[in-house]
Amino acid sequence: MGLLEELFADEPKIETDSYKGLTANYCGAKNVNFILRGLRSSSDFEYEKGIAQLNWSLDKDIDTVFLITSPGYAHISSSIVREILVNSGNASKFLPGKISAKIHSMIKPVNL
């Protein structure tokens, strides 16, 4: 949360928050009607579609909007970035510049 707060500190319209439990319950408590989800591939769509339909079945006021990534970023995932980091690679070009150094310093490399 701290990194997200730092990343968006200069964006007054963006609020960071965390929760436990069902997303539909969180949305109801916060009076949220839309969830934005990013898609990189058709497999992402299949996975996210199921979650969106479940959320909608729990609360008919919640709609999910899917944003499709630009082709140049479709290959990037958090799993791949973590893999680069734990193997002492430089993942800077995949991370926001403002917090890249902090993320690199937080990850313990794997010793082979």
Protein backbone atom coordinates (compact mmCIF):
# COMPACT_ATOMS: atom_id res chain seq x y z
CA MET A 1 0.00 0.00 0.00
CA GLY A 2 2.83 2.36 0.81
CA LEU A 3 4.29 2.06 -2.69
CA LEU A 4 0.90 2.68 -4.29
CA GLU A 5 0.31 5.70 -2.08
CA GLU A 6 3.74 7.04 -3.04
CA LEU A 7 3.18 6.33 -6.73
CA PHE A 8 -0.14 8.20 -6.81
CA ALA A 9 0.68 10.93 -4.28
CA ASP A 10 0.43 13.62 -6.98
CA GLU A 11 -2.90 12.30 -8.32
CA PRO A 12 -5.67 13.75 -6.12
CA LYS A 13 -8.41 11.84 -7.98
CA ILE A 14 -6.86 8.46 -7.15
CA GLU A 15 -7.52 6.88 -3.77
CA THR A 16 -5.70 3.76 -2.57
CA ASP A 17 -7.38 1.27 -0.28
CA SER A 18 -7.29 -2.40 0.65
CA TYR A 19 -9.91 -4.80 1.91
CA LYS A 20 -10.56 -8.39 2.90
CA GLY A 21 -13.53 -10.43 1.81
CA LEU A 22 -15.70 -10.24 -1.26
CA THR A 23 -15.15 -7.50 -3.80
CA ALA A 24 -18.93 -7.11 -4.19
CA ASN A 25 -19.26 -6.42 -0.46
CA TYR A 26 -16.42 -3.88 -0.56
CA CYS A 27 -18.00 -2.13 -3.55
CA GLY A 28 -21.34 -1.98 -1.75
CA ALA A 29 -19.77 -0.52 1.39
CA LYS A 30 -17.93 2.13 -0.66
CA ASN A 31 -20.86 2.82 -2.99
CA VAL A 32 -18.77 1.74 -5.99
CA ASN A 33 -20.60 0.72 -9.16
CA PHE A 34 -17.75 0.09 -11.58
CA ILE A 35 -14.65 -2.10 -11.45
CA LEU A 36 -11.87 -1.50 -14.00
CA ARG A 37 -9.83 -4.54 -14.98
CA GLY A 38 -6.94 -4.78 -17.42
CA LEU A 39 -6.71 -7.56 -19.98
CA ARG A 40 -3.55 -8.76 -21.71
CA SER A 41 -4.87 -11.86 -23.45
CA SER A 42 -7.93 -13.95 -24.17
CA SER A 43 -7.10 -16.17 -21.18
CA ASP A 44 -7.19 -13.04 -18.97
CA PHE A 45 -10.63 -12.30 -20.41
CA GLU A 46 -11.98 -15.77 -19.62
CA TYR A 47 -10.73 -15.55 -16.03
CA GLU A 48 -11.91 -11.98 -15.46
CA LYS A 49 -15.28 -12.61 -17.12
CA GLY A 50 -16.07 -15.26 -14.51
CA ILE A 51 -15.18 -12.92 -11.67
CA ALA A 52 -17.21 -10.08 -13.23
CA GLN A 53 -20.25 -12.33 -13.61
CA LEU A 54 -19.93 -13.51 -10.01
CA ASN A 55 -19.67 -9.93 -8.73
CA TRP A 56 -22.71 -8.94 -10.79
CA SER A 57 -24.71 -11.91 -9.49
CA LEU A 58 -23.92 -10.79 -5.92
CA ASP A 59 -24.74 -7.13 -6.60
CA LYS A 60 -26.58 -6.06 -9.76
CA ASP A 61 -25.30 -2.49 -9.31
CA ILE A 62 -21.69 -3.54 -10.02
CA ASP A 63 -20.47 -3.50 -13.61
CA THR A 64 -16.97 -4.46 -14.70
CA VAL A 65 -15.25 -2.52 -17.47
CA PHE A 66 -12.39 -4.24 -19.27
CA LEU A 67 -9.43 -2.27 -20.61
CA ILE A 68 -7.28 -3.98 -23.22
CA THR A 69 -3.55 -3.38 -22.98
CA SER A 70 -1.46 -1.98 -25.78
CA PRO A 71 0.31 -4.77 -27.70
CA GLY A 72 3.70 -3.50 -26.55
CA TYR A 73 2.80 -4.29 -22.93
CA ALA A 74 0.83 -7.53 -23.37
CA HIS A 75 3.83 -9.72 -22.47
CA ILE A 76 4.42 -8.04 -19.10
CA SER A 77 2.97 -9.64 -15.98
CA SER A 78 3.69 -9.31 -12.28
CA SER A 79 4.91 -12.93 -12.26
CA ILE A 80 7.49 -12.21 -14.95
CA VAL A 81 8.65 -9.02 -13.23
CA ARG A 82 9.04 -10.92 -9.92
CA GLU A 83 11.02 -13.61 -11.73
CA ILE A 84 13.39 -10.97 -13.11
CA LEU A 85 13.80 -9.40 -9.66
CA VAL A 86 14.41 -12.60 -7.67
CA ASN A 87 17.03 -13.63 -10.22
CA SER A 88 18.92 -10.33 -9.80
CA GLY A 89 17.77 -8.93 -13.13
CA ASN A 90 16.98 -5.32 -13.89
CA ALA A 91 13.20 -4.89 -14.16
CA SER A 92 13.29 -1.09 -14.26
CA LYS A 93 11.78 -0.79 -17.72
CA PHE A 94 8.71 -2.68 -16.48
CA LEU A 95 8.20 -0.59 -13.32
CA PRO A 96 7.14 2.99 -12.65
CA GLY A 97 10.33 5.06 -12.40
CA LYS A 98 9.17 6.79 -9.24
CA ILE A 99 9.25 3.55 -7.21
CA SER A 100 11.48 1.23 -9.26
CA ALA A 101 14.54 1.49 -7.00
CA LYS A 102 12.45 0.78 -3.90
CA ILE A 103 10.91 -2.31 -5.47
CA HIS A 104 14.35 -3.58 -6.51
CA SER A 105 15.64 -3.11 -2.96
CA MET A 106 12.66 -4.97 -1.44
CA ILE A 107 13.18 -8.24 -3.35
CA LYS A 108 15.66 -10.79 -2.05
CA PRO A 109 17.48 -12.49 -4.93
CA VAL A 110 17.55 -16.29 -5.08
CA ASN A 111 21.03 -17.74 -4.59
CA LEU A 112 21.68 -20.60 -6.99
